């Protein structure tokens, strides 16, 4: 069983104080339970280098590593899985390539998309954006009502993303959420360990029982 409760997504440009692998290390020390390597506007080789550096950290701490979008990178470094969006490689095809043992997360914004992802073999659902996000400003807002429908229907873990931080986690109390995905609330902080510990404590208070 994978603990998705504090799901870290990376951003190589957000923290000017530390290299990304150091950010990941501190986040894990603070309580991050899963790491997704999210790389935008980089070459394949740069993406691969970043993924390998982060994998050395997640391997050391025995934390699941998921690659965003790029199945070739995931295969090359033997990552634990991938996360795909609605316009990426179809989940059913990714499952055929990766086999049954790898994690496949699928981004969804509606109950219909969630139903299809589950039928196609997704391991977990990434639902969002729940709130407006500085990281992905053009993201569709799902809203709490649709999130509730997805959470009530889903028989696989539900991870929320988009505007999730220490102030918004409590707003989702009572909804069957398995994990909270964050970038800026962790990577964008000067004290990554302290910020992650604080988020971990808040999640433990409000996580669906």
Protein backbone atom coordinates (compact mmCIF):
# COMPACT_ATOMS: atom_id res chain seq x y z
CA UNK A 1 0.00 0.00 0.00
CA UNK A 2 1.34 3.41 -1.00
CA UNK A 3 0.94 6.40 1.27
CA UNK A 4 -0.09 9.25 -1.04
CA UNK A 5 -0.94 11.64 1.79
CA UNK A 6 1.76 14.25 1.15
CA UNK A 7 2.46 14.18 -2.57
CA UNK A 8 5.32 16.41 -3.74
CA UNK A 9 5.48 17.69 -7.33
CA UNK A 10 8.80 19.20 -8.32
CA UNK A 11 9.67 22.49 -9.99
CA UNK A 12 13.32 23.11 -10.81
CA UNK A 13 12.96 26.89 -11.11
CA UNK A 14 10.95 27.70 -8.00
CA UNK A 15 13.61 27.52 -5.31
CA UNK A 16 16.72 29.62 -5.93
CA UNK A 17 18.40 28.53 -2.70
CA UNK A 18 18.71 24.77 -3.32
CA UNK A 19 19.17 22.39 -6.24
CA UNK A 20 16.05 20.36 -6.93
CA UNK A 21 17.43 17.12 -5.48
CA UNK A 22 18.20 18.95 -2.22
CA UNK A 23 14.66 20.33 -2.19
CA UNK A 24 13.32 16.79 -2.58
CA UNK A 25 15.61 15.48 0.15
CA UNK A 26 14.43 18.11 2.61
CA UNK A 27 10.78 17.56 1.67
CA UNK A 28 11.13 13.84 2.35
CA UNK A 29 12.84 14.58 5.66
CA UNK A 30 9.86 16.76 6.49
CA UNK A 31 7.37 14.02 5.66
CA UNK A 32 6.68 13.91 1.90
CA UNK A 33 5.47 10.41 1.01
CA UNK A 34 5.53 10.41 -2.82
CA UNK A 35 7.55 12.43 -5.33
CA UNK A 36 6.53 13.32 -8.87
CA UNK A 37 9.23 14.65 -11.18
CA UNK A 38 7.53 17.45 -13.08
CA UNK A 39 9.76 19.05 -15.72
CA UNK A 40 8.60 21.61 -18.27
CA UNK A 41 10.42 23.15 -21.25
CA UNK A 42 13.54 21.00 -20.94
CA UNK A 43 15.26 18.68 -23.42
CA UNK A 44 15.00 14.92 -23.02
CA UNK A 45 18.56 14.73 -21.71
CA UNK A 46 17.99 17.52 -19.20
CA UNK A 47 14.77 15.83 -18.03
CA UNK A 48 16.66 12.54 -17.72
CA UNK A 49 19.45 14.15 -15.71
CA UNK A 50 16.99 15.78 -13.31
CA UNK A 51 15.03 12.54 -12.92
CA UNK A 52 18.18 10.53 -12.20
CA UNK A 53 19.37 13.01 -9.58
CA UNK A 54 16.00 12.95 -7.83
CA UNK A 55 15.80 9.15 -8.07
CA UNK A 56 19.06 8.83 -6.17
CA UNK A 57 17.34 10.65 -3.29
CA UNK A 58 14.02 8.77 -3.43
CA UNK A 59 15.82 5.43 -3.68
CA UNK A 60 17.85 6.27 -0.58
CA UNK A 61 14.71 7.09 1.41
CA UNK A 62 12.60 4.36 -0.21
CA UNK A 63 10.00 6.85 -1.47
CA UNK A 64 7.95 6.12 -4.63
CA UNK A 65 9.06 8.14 -7.66
CA UNK A 66 6.61 9.07 -10.40
CA UNK A 67 7.47 10.74 -13.71
CA UNK A 68 5.10 13.32 -15.12
CA UNK A 69 4.01 12.74 -18.75
CA UNK A 70 7.16 11.09 -20.11
CA UNK A 71 6.93 7.30 -20.24
CA UNK A 72 10.35 7.01 -21.93
CA UNK A 73 12.05 8.69 -18.96
CA UNK A 74 10.09 6.48 -16.57
CA UNK A 75 11.22 3.36 -18.37
CA UNK A 76 14.84 4.50 -18.68
CA UNK A 77 15.32 5.11 -14.96
CA UNK A 78 12.92 2.36 -13.83
CA UNK A 79 10.69 4.80 -11.98
CA UNK A 80 7.84 3.49 -9.88
CA UNK A 81 5.32 4.93 -12.30
CA UNK A 82 4.04 7.82 -14.37
CA UNK A 83 1.40 10.51 -14.15
CA UNK A 84 -0.51 11.40 -17.32
CA UNK A 85 -3.02 14.03 -18.34
CA UNK A 86 -6.04 13.81 -20.58
CA UNK A 87 -4.02 14.77 -23.68
CA UNK A 88 -1.02 12.51 -22.97
CA UNK A 89 -0.52 8.84 -23.74
CA UNK A 90 -3.84 7.05 -23.00
CA UNK A 91 -3.91 5.23 -19.70
CA UNK A 92 -4.91 1.93 -21.27
CA UNK A 93 -1.87 2.10 -23.58
CA UNK A 94 0.45 3.14 -20.75
CA UNK A 95 -0.73 0.15 -18.73
CA UNK A 96 0.10 -2.21 -21.60
CA UNK A 97 3.60 -0.76 -21.84
CA UNK A 98 4.36 -0.59 -18.11
CA UNK A 99 2.62 -3.76 -16.97
CA UNK A 100 0.52 -4.27 -13.87
CA UNK A 101 3.14 -3.49 -11.24
CA UNK A 102 3.77 0.17 -12.03
CA UNK A 103 1.86 3.18 -10.73
CA UNK A 104 -0.21 5.13 -13.24
CA UNK A 105 -1.81 8.34 -12.06
CA UNK A 106 -4.31 10.10 -14.31
CA UNK A 107 -5.39 13.75 -14.13
CA UNK A 108 -9.17 14.13 -14.16
CA UNK A 109 -11.56 17.06 -13.92
CA UNK A 110 -14.92 15.27 -13.98
CA UNK A 111 -16.67 12.13 -12.83
CA UNK A 112 -16.78 10.86 -16.42
CA UNK A 113 -13.01 11.21 -16.82
CA UNK A 114 -12.52 9.50 -13.46
CA UNK A 115 -14.73 6.58 -14.46
CA UNK A 116 -12.79 6.10 -17.69
CA UNK A 117 -9.39 6.32 -15.97
CA UNK A 118 -10.42 3.67 -13.45
CA UNK A 119 -11.76 1.40 -16.18
CA UNK A 120 -8.53 1.84 -18.15
CA UNK A 121 -6.32 0.70 -15.27
CA UNK A 122 -5.29 3.84 -13.37
CA UNK A 123 -3.68 3.34 -9.95
CA UNK A 124 -4.83 6.70 -8.60
CA UNK A 125 -6.66 9.83 -9.73
CA UNK A 126 -5.17 13.33 -9.66
CA UNK A 127 -8.17 15.62 -9.32
CA UNK A 128 -7.78 19.32 -10.01
CA UNK A 129 -7.31 22.10 -10.12
CA UNK A 130 -9.35 22.34 -6.94
CA UNK A 131 -8.49 26.02 -6.47
CA UNK A 132 -6.65 28.61 -8.55
CA UNK A 133 -2.97 27.81 -8.84
CA UNK A 134 0.03 30.05 -9.45
CA UNK A 135 1.86 27.12 -11.04
CA UNK A 136 -0.75 26.28 -13.68
CA UNK A 137 -2.80 29.40 -14.20
CA UNK A 138 -4.85 28.02 -17.13
CA UNK A 139 -5.96 24.89 -15.29
CA UNK A 140 -9.67 24.11 -15.22
CA UNK A 141 -11.18 24.50 -11.75
CA UNK A 142 -12.91 21.29 -10.71
CA UNK A 143 -14.65 22.58 -7.62
CA UNK A 144 -15.58 20.83 -4.41
CA UNK A 145 -18.94 19.44 -5.63
CA UNK A 146 -17.38 17.54 -8.53
CA UNK A 147 -14.53 16.42 -6.29
CA UNK A 148 -17.07 14.91 -3.87
CA UNK A 149 -18.73 12.99 -6.71
CA UNK A 150 -15.38 11.62 -7.87
CA UNK A 151 -14.26 10.72 -4.35
CA UNK A 152 -17.51 8.94 -3.54
CA UNK A 153 -17.38 6.93 -6.76
CA UNK A 154 -13.67 6.06 -6.82
CA UNK A 155 -12.35 2.72 -5.58
CA UNK A 156 -8.75 3.89 -6.09
CA UNK A 157 -6.87 6.68 -4.25
CA UNK A 158 -7.89 10.27 -4.95
CA UNK A 159 -5.19 12.95 -4.87
CA UNK A 160 -6.12 16.63 -4.97
CA UNK A 161 -3.96 19.27 -6.66
CA UNK A 162 -4.20 22.92 -7.54
CA UNK A 163 -4.06 25.62 -4.88
CA UNK A 164 -3.51 23.08 -2.11
CA UNK A 165 -1.68 24.62 0.85
CA UNK A 166 -1.84 25.04 4.60
CA UNK A 167 -4.88 27.33 4.27
CA UNK A 168 -6.98 25.26 1.85
CA UNK A 169 -6.54 21.72 3.19
CA UNK A 170 -9.10 22.29 5.94
CA UNK A 171 -11.74 23.37 3.37
CA UNK A 172 -11.82 19.80 2.05
CA UNK A 173 -12.53 18.21 5.41
CA UNK A 174 -15.07 15.38 5.18
CA UNK A 175 -14.25 14.48 1.56
CA UNK A 176 -12.68 11.05 0.93
CA UNK A 177 -9.24 12.29 -0.12
CA UNK A 178 -6.16 10.06 0.04
CA UNK A 179 -3.50 12.61 -0.78
CA UNK A 180 -2.68 16.29 -1.19
CA UNK A 181 -0.33 17.27 -4.03
CA UNK A 182 1.69 20.44 -3.67
CA UNK A 183 4.50 22.30 -5.36
CA UNK A 184 4.82 25.91 -4.14
CA UNK A 185 3.73 25.13 -0.56
CA UNK A 186 6.84 22.94 -0.27
CA UNK A 187 9.39 23.72 -2.99
CA UNK A 188 8.75 27.45 -2.87
CA UNK A 189 9.63 27.78 0.82
CA UNK A 190 12.92 28.80 2.43
CA UNK A 191 12.43 26.27 5.22
CA UNK A 192 11.36 23.22 3.25
CA UNK A 193 11.67 20.75 6.14
CA UNK A 194 9.71 22.95 8.52
CA UNK A 195 7.03 23.76 5.94
CA UNK A 196 6.58 20.11 5.04
CA UNK A 197 6.32 19.09 8.71
CA UNK A 198 3.63 21.74 9.21
CA UNK A 199 1.68 20.49 6.18
CA UNK A 200 2.01 16.91 7.41
CA UNK A 201 0.48 17.90 10.74
CA UNK A 202 -2.40 19.77 9.08
CA UNK A 203 -3.12 16.81 6.79
CA UNK A 204 -3.21 14.45 9.78
CA UNK A 205 -5.80 16.72 11.37
CA UNK A 206 -8.13 16.99 8.40
CA UNK A 207 -7.53 13.82 6.38
CA UNK A 208 -10.67 11.75 5.81
CA UNK A 209 -10.97 9.02 8.42
